[in-house]
Amino acid sequence: MKKLIVTALLGGAVLAHAQTAAPATPSSPAKKELVQKLMVLQQPGIENMARNLVEQPAVAMMQAAGRALQGVPEEKREATGKTIEADIKKYVDESVPIVRERAIKLAPSTIGAAMEEKFTEDELKQLVAWLESPINKKYAQFGPEIQNGFTQKLVAEARPTIEPKIQALEAKVRATLGVPAAAPAPKAATPAKKPASK
């Protein structure tokens, strides 16, 4: 949630600057202190953003590896999969702290500087008050649950329309690459019907 706030603030600040090219609002020690407080309040969101930057390519690699594993002989598939999974986990475990540290170090000179330049002292006070407010904390607590419910409903409603399109796209990409179509998953055996008892 806080990641969205940081992104929205930066996006709004950049857009406002591009549209108006207004002069920077004057700075003061009080304003600098408010920005510093905002950086502390935003740190979990900044850390989350850093983690996501590291995990996105790892997730994509894991998905690609899962597809590629289908071409590995069955007797080697499990061991190969575990090796790849361990390598990807090692990458994430080693990379997250590095990117998180750099993000935290970089945030004041980028996010903080933009906020100091684009927001007045009064606006920064309001922003700090909102981020510290009980309603924001409640929203942060329940926001993911609400969003998850929405996402599940959206997926359920969109799946019948989108799934055939995904399958058609996959078939087209396979044909373009000259890769044979994926074998259909074996259907689960259905139990034999019992004769009706009299």
N, C-alpha and C. Protein backbone atom coordinates (compact mmCIF):
# COMPACT_ATOMS: atom_id res chain seq x y z
N MET A 1 0.82 -1.18 0.00
CA MET A 1 0.00 0.00 0.00
C MET A 1 0.87 1.25 0.00
N LYS A 2 1.86 1.27 0.89
CA LYS A 2 2.72 2.44 0.96
C LYS A 2 3.52 2.59 -0.33
N LYS A 3 3.80 1.48 -1.01
CA LYS A 3 4.48 1.55 -2.30
C LYS A 3 3.63 2.35 -3.27
N LEU A 4 2.32 2.12 -3.23
CA LEU A 4 1.43 2.85 -4.11
C LEU A 4 1.43 4.34 -3.78
N ILE A 5 1.52 4.67 -2.50
CA ILE A 5 1.55 6.07 -2.10
C ILE A 5 2.79 6.75 -2.64
N VAL A 6 3.94 6.09 -2.47
CA VAL A 6 5.20 6.65 -2.97
C VAL A 6 5.12 6.84 -4.47
N THR A 7 4.64 5.83 -5.18
CA THR A 7 4.54 5.90 -6.64
C THR A 7 3.59 7.02 -7.05
N ALA A 8 2.44 7.11 -6.38
CA ALA A 8 1.48 8.15 -6.71
C ALA A 8 2.06 9.54 -6.45
N LEU A 9 2.75 9.68 -5.33
CA LEU A 9 3.34 10.98 -5.02
C LEU A 9 4.37 11.37 -6.06
N LEU A 10 5.22 10.43 -6.41
CA LEU A 10 6.25 10.75 -7.40
C LEU A 10 5.64 11.03 -8.76
N GLY A 11 4.67 10.18 -9.15
CA GLY A 11 4.01 10.39 -10.44
C GLY A 11 3.31 11.73 -10.49
N GLY A 12 2.61 12.07 -9.42
CA GLY A 12 1.92 13.36 -9.35
C GLY A 12 2.90 14.51 -9.39
N ALA A 13 3.99 14.36 -8.67
CA ALA A 13 4.98 15.43 -8.63
C ALA A 13 5.61 15.65 -10.00
N VAL A 14 5.95 14.56 -10.68
CA VAL A 14 6.56 14.68 -12.00
C VAL A 14 5.57 15.28 -12.99
N LEU A 15 4.31 14.81 -12.94
CA LEU A 15 3.29 15.31 -13.85
C LEU A 15 3.03 16.79 -13.60
N ALA A 16 2.91 17.17 -12.35
CA ALA A 16 2.67 18.57 -12.01
C ALA A 16 3.82 19.44 -12.49
N HIS A 17 5.04 18.95 -12.31
CA HIS A 17 6.22 19.70 -12.75
C HIS A 17 6.21 19.84 -14.26
N ALA A 18 5.89 18.78 -14.96
CA ALA A 18 5.90 18.82 -16.42
C ALA A 18 4.82 19.76 -16.95
N GLN A 19 3.67 19.81 -16.27
CA GLN A 19 2.58 20.63 -16.77
C GLN A 19 2.75 22.10 -16.43
N THR A 20 3.24 22.39 -15.24
CA THR A 20 3.27 23.78 -14.80
C THR A 20 4.67 24.37 -14.76
N ALA A 21 5.66 23.53 -14.57
CA ALA A 21 7.04 23.99 -14.40
C ALA A 21 7.10 25.12 -13.38
N ALA A 22 6.31 24.94 -12.30
CA ALA A 22 6.26 25.95 -11.24
C ALA A 22 7.57 25.95 -10.47
N PRO A 23 7.92 27.10 -9.91
CA PRO A 23 9.16 27.15 -9.14
C PRO A 23 9.03 26.27 -7.89
N ALA A 24 10.13 25.79 -7.42
CA ALA A 24 10.15 24.94 -6.23
C ALA A 24 9.66 25.73 -5.03
N THR A 25 8.96 25.00 -4.14
CA THR A 25 8.52 25.66 -2.92
C THR A 25 9.73 25.82 -2.02
N PRO A 26 9.81 26.94 -1.32
CA PRO A 26 11.00 27.19 -0.50
C PRO A 26 11.15 26.14 0.61
N SER A 27 12.38 25.87 0.95
CA SER A 27 12.66 24.87 1.97
C SER A 27 12.98 25.55 3.29
N SER A 28 12.84 24.75 4.34
CA SER A 28 13.15 25.25 5.68
C SER A 28 13.58 24.05 6.52
N PRO A 29 14.19 24.29 7.68
CA PRO A 29 14.56 23.17 8.55
C PRO A 29 13.33 22.33 8.94
N ALA A 30 12.19 22.99 9.17
CA ALA A 30 10.97 22.26 9.53
C ALA A 30 10.51 21.38 8.37
N LYS A 31 10.62 21.90 7.17
CA LYS A 31 10.23 21.14 5.98
C LYS A 31 11.15 19.94 5.79
N LYS A 32 12.43 20.15 5.97
CA LYS A 32 13.40 19.05 5.85
C LYS A 32 13.09 17.96 6.89
N GLU A 33 12.71 18.38 8.09
CA GLU A 33 12.38 17.43 9.15
C GLU A 33 11.12 16.62 8.78
N LEU A 34 10.13 17.29 8.18
CA LEU A 34 8.91 16.59 7.75
C LEU A 34 9.23 15.56 6.66
N VAL A 35 10.07 15.95 5.72
CA VAL A 35 10.46 15.02 4.65
C VAL A 35 11.19 13.82 5.25
N GLN A 36 12.05 14.08 6.21
CA GLN A 36 12.78 12.98 6.86
C GLN A 36 11.79 12.04 7.56
N LYS A 37 10.78 12.61 8.19
CA LYS A 37 9.76 11.79 8.87
C LYS A 37 8.99 10.96 7.84
N LEU A 38 8.68 11.58 6.70
CA LEU A 38 8.00 10.85 5.62
C LEU A 38 8.86 9.69 5.12
N MET A 39 10.15 9.90 5.03
CA MET A 39 11.04 8.84 4.57
C MET A 39 10.98 7.64 5.54
N VAL A 40 10.92 7.93 6.84
CA VAL A 40 10.81 6.86 7.83
C VAL A 40 9.47 6.14 7.68
N LEU A 41 8.39 6.93 7.51
CA LEU A 41 7.06 6.33 7.36
C LEU A 41 6.96 5.50 6.07
N GLN A 42 7.69 5.91 5.04
CA GLN A 42 7.64 5.22 3.75
C GLN A 42 8.65 4.08 3.63
N GLN A 43 9.52 3.92 4.60
CA GLN A 43 10.57 2.90 4.50
C GLN A 43 10.03 1.50 4.21
N PRO A 44 8.96 1.03 4.88
CA PRO A 44 8.47 -0.31 4.54
C PRO A 44 8.04 -0.43 3.07
N GLY A 45 7.43 0.63 2.54
CA GLY A 45 7.04 0.60 1.13
C GLY A 45 8.24 0.60 0.21
N ILE A 46 9.27 1.34 0.57
CA ILE A 46 10.50 1.39 -0.22
C ILE A 46 11.18 0.03 -0.19
N GLU A 47 11.22 -0.60 0.99
CA GLU A 47 11.82 -1.94 1.11
C GLU A 47 11.02 -2.95 0.28
N ASN A 48 9.70 -2.82 0.30
CA ASN A 48 8.85 -3.71 -0.49
C ASN A 48 9.12 -3.56 -1.98
N MET A 49 9.28 -2.32 -2.41
CA MET A 49 9.57 -2.04 -3.81
C MET A 49 10.91 -2.70 -4.21
N ALA A 50 11.89 -2.60 -3.33
CA ALA A 50 13.20 -3.20 -3.60
C ALA A 50 13.06 -4.72 -3.72
N ARG A 51 12.30 -5.33 -2.81
CA ARG A 51 12.08 -6.78 -2.85
C ARG A 51 11.40 -7.17 -4.15
N ASN A 52 10.39 -6.41 -4.55
CA ASN A 52 9.68 -6.72 -5.80
C ASN A 52 10.60 -6.62 -7.01
N LEU A 53 11.49 -5.64 -7.01
CA LEU A 53 12.44 -5.51 -8.13
C LEU A 53 13.32 -6.74 -8.26
N VAL A 54 13.70 -7.31 -7.13
CA VAL A 54 14.54 -8.50 -7.15
C VAL A 54 13.72 -9.74 -7.51
N GLU A 55 12.51 -9.83 -6.97
CA GLU A 55 11.72 -11.05 -7.14
C GLU A 55 11.08 -11.18 -8.51
N GLN A 56 10.77 -10.07 -9.18
CA GLN A 56 10.10 -10.16 -10.48
C GLN A 56 10.88 -10.99 -11.50
N PRO A 57 12.17 -10.72 -11.71
CA PRO A 57 12.87 -11.58 -12.67
C PRO A 57 13.02 -13.01 -12.17
N ALA A 58 13.10 -13.20 -10.86
CA ALA A 58 13.22 -14.55 -10.31
C ALA A 58 11.95 -15.35 -10.57
N VAL A 59 10.80 -14.70 -10.40
CA VAL A 59 9.52 -15.37 -10.65
C VAL A 59 9.41 -15.73 -12.13
N ALA A 60 9.78 -14.79 -13.01
CA ALA A 60 9.72 -15.05 -14.45
C ALA A 60 10.64 -16.21 -14.82
N MET A 61 11.84 -16.23 -14.21
CA MET A 61 12.79 -17.31 -14.48
C MET A 61 12.25 -18.65 -14.01
N MET A 62 11.61 -18.64 -12.83
CA MET A 62 11.06 -19.87 -12.27
C MET A 62 9.95 -20.41 -13.18
N GLN A 63 9.12 -19.51 -13.70
CA GLN A 63 8.06 -19.94 -14.60
C GLN A 63 8.63 -20.51 -15.90
N ALA A 64 9.64 -19.83 -16.44
CA ALA A 64 10.27 -20.32 -17.67
C ALA A 64 10.94 -21.67 -17.42
N ALA A 65 11.58 -21.81 -16.25
CA ALA A 65 12.23 -23.08 -15.92
C ALA A 65 11.20 -24.19 -15.78
N GLY A 66 10.04 -23.86 -15.20
CA GLY A 66 8.97 -24.86 -15.07
C GLY A 66 8.53 -25.39 -16.42
N ARG A 67 8.43 -24.48 -17.38
CA ARG A 67 8.05 -24.91 -18.74
C ARG A 67 9.17 -25.73 -19.37
N ALA A 68 10.41 -25.28 -19.19
CA ALA A 68 11.55 -25.97 -19.79
C ALA A 68 11.75 -27.35 -19.17
N LEU A 69 11.37 -27.50 -17.92
CA LEU A 69 11.54 -28.80 -17.24
C LEU A 69 10.74 -29.91 -17.91
N GLN A 70 9.71 -29.54 -18.64
CA GLN A 70 8.91 -30.56 -19.32
C GLN A 70 9.75 -31.32 -20.35
N GLY A 71 10.82 -30.70 -20.84
CA GLY A 71 11.69 -31.35 -21.80
C GLY A 71 12.81 -32.17 -21.16
N VAL A 72 12.92 -32.12 -19.83
CA VAL A 72 13.95 -32.87 -19.11
C VAL A 72 13.41 -34.29 -18.86
N PRO A 73 14.25 -35.30 -19.03
CA PRO A 73 13.79 -36.66 -18.76
C PRO A 73 13.16 -36.76 -17.37
N GLU A 74 12.09 -37.52 -17.30
CA GLU A 74 11.30 -37.58 -16.07
C GLU A 74 12.12 -37.96 -14.84
N GLU A 75 13.08 -38.87 -15.02
CA GLU A 75 13.88 -39.31 -13.87
C GLU A 75 14.80 -38.22 -13.33
N LYS A 76 15.08 -37.19 -14.15
CA LYS A 76 15.95 -36.09 -13.71
C LYS A 76 15.17 -34.82 -13.38
N ARG A 77 13.90 -34.81 -13.69
CA ARG A 77 13.08 -33.60 -13.59
C ARG A 77 13.03 -33.03 -12.17
N GLU A 78 12.74 -33.87 -11.19
CA GLU A 78 12.59 -33.39 -9.82
C GLU A 78 13.90 -32.81 -9.28
N ALA A 79 15.00 -33.53 -9.49
CA ALA A 79 16.30 -33.06 -9.00
C ALA A 79 16.70 -31.76 -9.70
N THR A 80 16.47 -31.70 -11.00
CA THR A 80 16.80 -30.50 -11.76
C THR A 80 15.97 -29.32 -11.26
N GLY A 81 14.69 -29.55 -11.03
CA GLY A 81 13.80 -28.51 -10.52
C GLY A 81 14.25 -27.99 -9.17
N LYS A 82 14.66 -28.91 -8.28
CA LYS A 82 15.11 -28.50 -6.95
C LYS A 82 16.40 -27.68 -7.04
N THR A 83 17.29 -28.06 -7.95
CA THR A 83 18.54 -27.32 -8.13
C THR A 83 18.25 -25.89 -8.60
N ILE A 84 17.36 -25.77 -9.59
CA ILE A 84 17.00 -24.45 -10.11
C ILE A 84 16.34 -23.62 -9.02
N GLU A 85 15.43 -24.23 -8.28
CA GLU A 85 14.74 -23.54 -7.19
C GLU A 85 15.74 -23.04 -6.14
N ALA A 86 16.72 -23.87 -5.80
CA ALA A 86 17.74 -23.47 -4.82
C ALA A 86 18.58 -22.32 -5.35
N ASP A 87 18.95 -22.36 -6.63
CA ASP A 87 19.73 -21.27 -7.23
C ASP A 87 18.96 -19.95 -7.22
N ILE A 88 17.67 -20.03 -7.55
CA ILE A 88 16.85 -18.82 -7.58
C ILE A 88 16.66 -18.28 -6.17
N LYS A 89 16.45 -19.15 -5.20
CA LYS A 89 16.31 -18.73 -3.81
C LYS A 89 17.59 -18.04 -3.33
N LYS A 90 18.75 -18.61 -3.71
CA LYS A 90 20.03 -18.02 -3.32
C LYS A 90 20.17 -16.62 -3.92
N TYR A 91 19.80 -16.47 -5.18
CA TYR A 91 19.84 -15.16 -5.84
C TYR A 91 18.99 -14.15 -5.06
N VAL A 92 17.74 -14.54 -4.73
CA VAL A 92 16.84 -13.64 -4.01
C VAL A 92 17.41 -13.30 -2.64
N ASP A 93 17.86 -14.33 -1.90
CA ASP A 93 18.39 -14.11 -0.55
C ASP A 93 19.61 -13.19 -0.55
N GLU A 94 20.44 -13.29 -1.58
CA GLU A 94 21.64 -12.45 -1.66
C GLU A 94 21.33 -11.06 -2.19
N SER A 95 20.36 -10.96 -3.10
CA SER A 95 20.11 -9.70 -3.79
C SER A 95 19.18 -8.76 -3.05
N VAL A 96 18.19 -9.29 -2.35
CA VAL A 96 17.23 -8.42 -1.66
C VAL A 96 17.92 -7.46 -0.70
N PRO A 97 18.80 -7.93 0.18
CA PRO A 97 19.45 -6.98 1.10
C PRO A 97 20.25 -5.89 0.38
N ILE A 98 20.89 -6.24 -0.73
CA ILE A 98 21.69 -5.26 -1.48
C ILE A 98 20.79 -4.18 -2.06
N VAL A 99 19.71 -4.60 -2.74
CA VAL A 99 18.81 -3.63 -3.37
C VAL A 99 18.05 -2.84 -2.31
N ARG A 100 17.65 -3.50 -1.23
CA ARG A 100 16.95 -2.80 -0.14
C ARG A 100 17.83 -1.70 0.45
N GLU A 101 19.10 -2.02 0.72
CA GLU A 101 20.03 -1.04 1.27
C GLU A 101 20.21 0.15 0.33
N ARG A 102 20.35 -0.13 -0.95
CA ARG A 102 20.54 0.95 -1.92
C ARG A 102 19.28 1.79 -2.06
N ALA A 103 18.12 1.14 -1.99
CA ALA A 103 16.85 1.88 -2.09
C ALA A 103 16.69 2.83 -0.92
N ILE A 104 16.98 2.33 0.29
CA ILE A 104 16.86 3.17 1.48
C ILE A 104 17.84 4.34 1.42
N LYS A 105 19.03 4.07 0.90
CA LYS A 105 20.05 5.12 0.81
C LYS A 105 19.69 6.14 -0.27
N LEU A 106 19.10 5.69 -1.36
CA LEU A 106 18.77 6.54 -2.49
C LEU A 106 17.48 7.34 -2.28
N ALA A 107 16.55 6.82 -1.51
CA ALA A 107 15.23 7.43 -1.35
C ALA A 107 15.28 8.90 -0.91
N PRO A 108 16.06 9.26 0.10
CA PRO A 108 16.05 10.68 0.52
C PRO A 108 16.49 11.65 -0.58
N SER A 109 17.46 11.24 -1.39
CA SER A 109 17.95 12.16 -2.43
C SER A 109 17.08 12.16 -3.68
N THR A 110 16.14 11.23 -3.78
CA THR A 110 15.25 11.20 -4.95
C THR A 110 13.81 11.48 -4.51
N ILE A 111 13.20 10.55 -3.80
CA ILE A 111 11.82 10.74 -3.32
C ILE A 111 11.77 11.94 -2.38
N GLY A 112 12.68 11.95 -1.41
CA GLY A 112 12.69 13.04 -0.43
C GLY A 112 12.91 14.39 -1.08
N ALA A 113 13.87 14.46 -1.99
CA ALA A 113 14.15 15.74 -2.66
C ALA A 113 12.95 16.20 -3.48
N ALA A 114 12.28 15.28 -4.17
CA ALA A 114 11.11 15.64 -4.98
C ALA A 114 9.98 16.13 -4.08
N MET A 115 9.79 15.47 -2.95
CA MET A 115 8.73 15.88 -2.03
C MET A 115 9.04 17.25 -1.42
N GLU A 116 10.29 17.46 -1.08
CA GLU A 116 10.69 18.74 -0.51
C GLU A 116 10.49 19.87 -1.53
N GLU A 117 10.76 19.57 -2.78
CA GLU A 117 10.64 20.58 -3.83
C GLU A 117 9.18 20.84 -4.21
N LYS A 118 8.36 19.81 -4.27
CA LYS A 118 7.02 19.92 -4.83
C LYS A 118 5.93 20.22 -3.81
N PHE A 119 6.17 19.94 -2.54
CA PHE A 119 5.13 20.10 -1.53
C PHE A 119 5.48 21.23 -0.58
N THR A 120 4.44 21.92 -0.16
CA THR A 120 4.64 22.97 0.84
C THR A 120 4.78 22.32 2.21
N GLU A 121 5.22 23.11 3.17
CA GLU A 121 5.36 22.60 4.54
C GLU A 121 4.00 22.14 5.07
N ASP A 122 2.95 22.91 4.78
CA ASP A 122 1.61 22.54 5.24
C ASP A 122 1.16 21.22 4.59
N GLU A 123 1.42 21.05 3.31
CA GLU A 123 1.04 19.80 2.62
C GLU A 123 1.79 18.61 3.22
N LEU A 124 3.06 18.80 3.53
CA LEU A 124 3.84 17.73 4.14
C LEU A 124 3.29 17.38 5.51
N LYS A 125 2.88 18.39 6.28
CA LYS A 125 2.28 18.12 7.60
C LYS A 125 1.01 17.29 7.44
N GLN A 126 0.19 17.65 6.45
CA GLN A 126 -1.05 16.91 6.21
C GLN A 126 -0.75 15.47 5.79
N LEU A 127 0.26 15.30 4.96
CA LEU A 127 0.63 13.97 4.50
C LEU A 127 1.12 13.11 5.66
N VAL A 128 1.97 13.66 6.50
CA VAL A 128 2.46 12.94 7.69
C VAL A 128 1.28 12.57 8.58
N ALA A 129 0.38 13.53 8.82
CA ALA A 129 -0.78 13.28 9.68
C ALA A 129 -1.63 12.14 9.10
N TRP A 130 -1.82 12.16 7.79
CA TRP A 130 -2.63 11.11 7.16
C TRP A 130 -1.94 9.75 7.28
N LEU A 131 -0.64 9.70 7.01
CA LEU A 131 0.08 8.42 7.08
C LEU A 131 0.09 7.86 8.50
N GLU A 132 0.08 8.74 9.50
CA GLU A 132 0.08 8.30 10.89
C GLU A 132 -1.33 8.08 11.44
N SER A 133 -2.35 8.43 10.67
CA SER A 133 -3.72 8.35 11.17
C SER A 133 -4.19 6.91 11.33
N PRO A 134 -5.10 6.68 12.29
CA PRO A 134 -5.66 5.34 12.48
C PRO A 134 -6.39 4.82 11.24
N ILE A 135 -7.06 5.71 10.50
CA ILE A 135 -7.79 5.26 9.31
C ILE A 135 -6.84 4.76 8.24
N ASN A 136 -5.68 5.42 8.07
CA ASN A 136 -4.69 4.94 7.10
C ASN A 136 -4.13 3.59 7.53
N LYS A 137 -3.87 3.46 8.84
CA LYS A 137 -3.35 2.19 9.35
C LYS A 137 -4.37 1.07 9.15
N LYS A 138 -5.65 1.39 9.36
CA LYS A 138 -6.70 0.39 9.16
C LYS A 138 -6.79 0.03 7.68
N TYR A 139 -6.72 1.05 6.82
CA TYR A 139 -6.75 0.80 5.38
C TYR A 139 -5.58 -0.07 4.94
N ALA A 140 -4.39 0.22 5.49
CA ALA A 140 -3.21 -0.58 5.17
C ALA A 140 -3.38 -2.02 5.64
N GLN A 141 -4.06 -2.19 6.78
CA GLN A 141 -4.28 -3.53 7.33
C GLN A 141 -5.27 -4.33 6.48
N PHE A 142 -6.38 -3.70 6.09
CA PHE A 142 -7.43 -4.43 5.38
C PHE A 142 -7.38 -4.26 3.86
N GLY A 143 -6.60 -3.30 3.38
CA GLY A 143 -6.51 -3.07 1.94
C GLY A 143 -6.13 -4.31 1.14
N PRO A 144 -5.08 -5.05 1.55
CA PRO A 144 -4.71 -6.25 0.79
C PRO A 144 -5.83 -7.30 0.77
N GLU A 145 -6.54 -7.45 1.88
CA GLU A 145 -7.65 -8.42 1.94
C GLU A 145 -8.76 -8.01 0.97
N ILE A 146 -9.08 -6.71 0.97
CA ILE A 146 -10.12 -6.20 0.08
C ILE A 146 -9.69 -6.36 -1.37
N GLN A 147 -8.44 -6.02 -1.65
CA GLN A 147 -7.92 -6.13 -3.01
C GLN A 147 -7.88 -7.58 -3.46
N ASN A 148 -7.51 -8.48 -2.55
CA ASN A 148 -7.46 -9.91 -2.89
C ASN A 148 -8.85 -10.43 -3.25
N GLY A 149 -9.87 -10.02 -2.48
CA GLY A 149 -11.24 -10.42 -2.79
C GLY A 149 -11.66 -9.94 -4.17
N PHE A 150 -11.33 -8.69 -4.48
CA PHE A 150 -11.63 -8.13 -5.79
C PHE A 150 -10.91 -8.90 -6.89
N THR A 151 -9.62 -9.17 -6.67
CA THR A 151 -8.82 -9.87 -7.67
C THR A 151 -9.39 -11.26 -7.95
N GLN A 152 -9.76 -11.99 -6.89
CA GLN A 152 -10.33 -13.33 -7.08
C GLN A 152 -11.61 -13.27 -7.89
N LYS A 153 -12.46 -12.30 -7.58
CA LYS A 153 -13.73 -12.16 -8.31
C LYS A 153 -13.47 -11.79 -9.76
N LEU A 154 -12.53 -10.88 -9.99
CA LEU A 154 -12.20 -10.47 -11.36
C LEU A 154 -11.66 -11.64 -12.17
N VAL A 155 -10.76 -12.41 -11.57
CA VAL A 155 -10.19 -13.57 -12.26
C VAL A 155 -11.29 -14.57 -12.60
N ALA A 156 -12.18 -14.84 -11.63
CA ALA A 156 -13.27 -15.80 -11.86
C ALA A 156 -14.17 -15.34 -13.00
N GLU A 157 -14.46 -14.05 -13.05
CA GLU A 157 -15.36 -13.55 -14.09
C GLU A 157 -14.67 -13.41 -15.44
N ALA A 158 -13.38 -13.09 -15.46
CA ALA A 158 -12.67 -12.88 -16.72
C ALA A 158 -12.11 -14.17 -17.31
N ARG A 159 -11.89 -15.18 -16.47
CA ARG A 159 -11.25 -16.42 -16.93
C ARG A 159 -11.92 -17.04 -18.15
N PRO A 160 -13.26 -17.22 -18.17
CA PRO A 160 -13.86 -17.86 -19.35
C PRO A 160 -13.59 -17.13 -20.66
N THR A 161 -13.43 -15.83 -20.60
CA THR A 161 -13.17 -15.06 -21.81
C THR A 161 -11.68 -15.04 -22.15
N ILE A 162 -10.84 -14.91 -21.13
CA ILE A 162 -9.41 -14.72 -21.35
C ILE A 162 -8.66 -16.03 -21.58
N GLU A 163 -9.04 -17.08 -20.88
CA GLU A 163 -8.30 -18.34 -20.99
C GLU A 163 -8.21 -18.86 -22.43
N PRO A 164 -9.30 -18.87 -23.21
CA PRO A 164 -9.15 -19.31 -24.61
C PRO A 164 -8.20 -18.42 -25.41
N LYS A 165 -8.18 -17.11 -25.09
CA LYS A 165 -7.27 -16.21 -25.79
C LYS A 165 -5.81 -16.53 -25.44
N ILE A 166 -5.57 -16.85 -24.16
CA ILE A 166 -4.21 -17.21 -23.74
C ILE A 166 -3.79 -18.51 -24.43
N GLN A 167 -4.70 -19.49 -24.49
CA GLN A 167 -4.38 -20.76 -25.15
C GLN A 167 -4.12 -20.55 -26.63
N ALA A 168 -4.91 -19.70 -27.28
CA ALA A 168 -4.69 -19.41 -28.70
C ALA A 168 -3.36 -18.71 -28.91
N LEU A 169 -3.03 -17.76 -28.03
CA LEU A 169 -1.75 -17.06 -28.14
C LEU A 169 -0.59 -18.04 -27.94
N GLU A 170 -0.70 -18.90 -26.94
CA GLU A 170 0.36 -19.88 -26.69
C GLU A 170 0.54 -20.79 -27.91
N ALA A 171 -0.56 -21.25 -28.51
CA ALA A 171 -0.48 -22.10 -29.69
C ALA A 171 0.18 -21.35 -30.85
N LYS A 172 -0.16 -20.08 -31.00
CA LYS A 172 0.41 -19.28 -32.09
C LYS A 172 1.91 -19.08 -31.88
N VAL A 173 2.31 -18.77 -30.64
CA VAL A 173 3.73 -18.59 -30.33
C VAL A 173 4.49 -19.90 -30.56
N ARG A 174 3.91 -21.02 -30.11
CA ARG A 174 4.55 -22.32 -30.33
C ARG A 174 4.72 -22.59 -31.82
N ALA A 175 3.69 -22.29 -32.60
CA ALA A 175 3.75 -22.53 -34.06
C ALA A 175 4.83 -21.64 -34.69
N THR A 176 4.89 -20.39 -34.25
CA THR A 176 5.90 -19.46 -34.78
C THR A 176 7.30 -19.96 -34.45
N LEU A 177 7.47 -20.51 -33.24
CA LEU A 177 8.77 -21.02 -32.83
C LEU A 177 9.06 -22.42 -33.37
N GLY A 178 8.04 -23.08 -33.91
CA GLY A 178 8.22 -24.43 -34.40
C GLY A 178 8.28 -25.45 -33.27
N VAL A 179 7.71 -25.11 -32.12
CA VAL A 179 7.69 -26.00 -30.96
C VAL A 179 6.39 -26.78 -30.99
N PRO A 180 6.46 -28.09 -30.78
CA PRO A 180 5.22 -28.87 -30.82
C PRO A 180 4.27 -28.44 -29.70
N ALA A 181 2.99 -28.64 -29.96
CA ALA A 181 1.97 -28.29 -28.97
C ALA A 181 2.18 -29.10 -27.70
N ALA A 182 1.88 -28.48 -26.58
CA ALA A 182 2.01 -29.16 -25.29
C ALA A 182 1.01 -30.31 -25.23
N ALA A 183 1.47 -31.41 -24.65
CA ALA A 183 0.58 -32.56 -24.50
C ALA A 183 -0.51 -32.21 -23.51
N PRO A 184 -1.76 -32.58 -23.81
CA PRO A 184 -2.82 -32.27 -22.86
C PRO A 184 -2.62 -33.04 -21.56
N ALA A 185 -3.01 -32.40 -20.46
CA ALA A 185 -2.87 -33.04 -19.15
C ALA A 185 -3.78 -34.26 -19.10
N PRO A 186 -3.29 -35.36 -18.51
CA PRO A 186 -4.13 -36.55 -18.42
C PRO A 186 -5.35 -36.27 -17.55
N LYS A 187 -6.50 -36.77 -18.00
CA LYS A 187 -7.73 -36.57 -17.24
C LYS A 187 -7.74 -37.54 -16.07
N ALA A 188 -8.33 -37.07 -14.98
CA ALA A 188 -8.44 -37.94 -13.80
C ALA A 188 -9.40 -39.07 -14.12
N ALA A 189 -9.04 -40.24 -13.66
CA ALA A 189 -9.90 -41.40 -13.90
C ALA A 189 -11.20 -41.21 -13.15
N THR A 190 -12.29 -41.51 -13.82
CA THR A 190 -13.59 -41.41 -13.15
C THR A 190 -13.95 -42.80 -12.63
N PRO A 191 -14.43 -42.88 -11.40
CA PRO A 191 -14.76 -44.19 -10.86
C PRO A 191 -15.93 -44.79 -11.62
N ALA A 192 -15.90 -46.11 -11.75
CA ALA A 192 -16.97 -46.84 -12.44
C ALA A 192 -18.26 -46.68 -11.66
N LYS A 193 -19.36 -46.56 -12.39
CA LYS A 193 -20.64 -46.39 -11.72
C LYS A 193 -21.05 -47.70 -11.10
N LYS A 194 -21.61 -47.61 -9.91
CA LYS A 194 -22.11 -48.81 -9.25
C LYS A 194 -23.49 -49.10 -9.80
N PRO A 195 -23.80 -50.39 -9.90
CA PRO A 195 -25.16 -50.72 -10.36
C PRO A 195 -26.17 -50.21 -9.33
N ALA A 196 -27.28 -49.74 -9.84
CA ALA A 196 -28.32 -49.23 -8.95
C ALA A 196 -28.82 -50.34 -8.05
N SER A 197 -28.91 -50.04 -6.76
CA SER A 197 -29.40 -51.07 -5.83
C SER A 197 -30.92 -51.08 -5.86
N LYS A 198 -31.47 -52.26 -5.68
CA LYS A 198 -32.93 -52.41 -5.74
C LYS A 198 -33.51 -52.57 -4.39
